[in-house]
Amino acid sequence: DDSMLNTSLNEEALKKIQDNAEKEKAAIKEKSKIEIEQLQVEHNQTAGERKALEVKLEKERIARVETEKRREVMQKKLEEMEAQLIIGGEMATKAVKQEAALRKAEQTLIARQR
């Protein structure tokens, strides 16, 4: 009778140990599943953040290129205006010289007529 009782107790203890092991295994499995899901969410966020940063950097690059193009256009316009200003100055100087030559010629002509 005692051996049957011991066997019955041993079977109950073994059953409890097995049940606890199964519960622990299920808890570990659930915890692992949650951790994997969290890691996946973090990975997706990181990928999303990386994509957003790439988009932002590309927009900034395009803006820099456009700004550089506008600067080059303005530089060319400035150079053209400077060239026209120089030509205009040269023409004004030439006109002043021509006017002076005409006055001198006119004075010479008046002097001859006297």
Foldseek 3Di string as FASTA:
>chain_A
DVVVVVVVVVVVVVVVVVVVVVVVVVVVVVVVVVVVVVVVVVVVVVVVVVVVVVVVVVVVVVVVVVVVVVVVVVVVVVVVVVVVVVVVVVVVVVVVVVVVVVVVVVVVVVVVVD
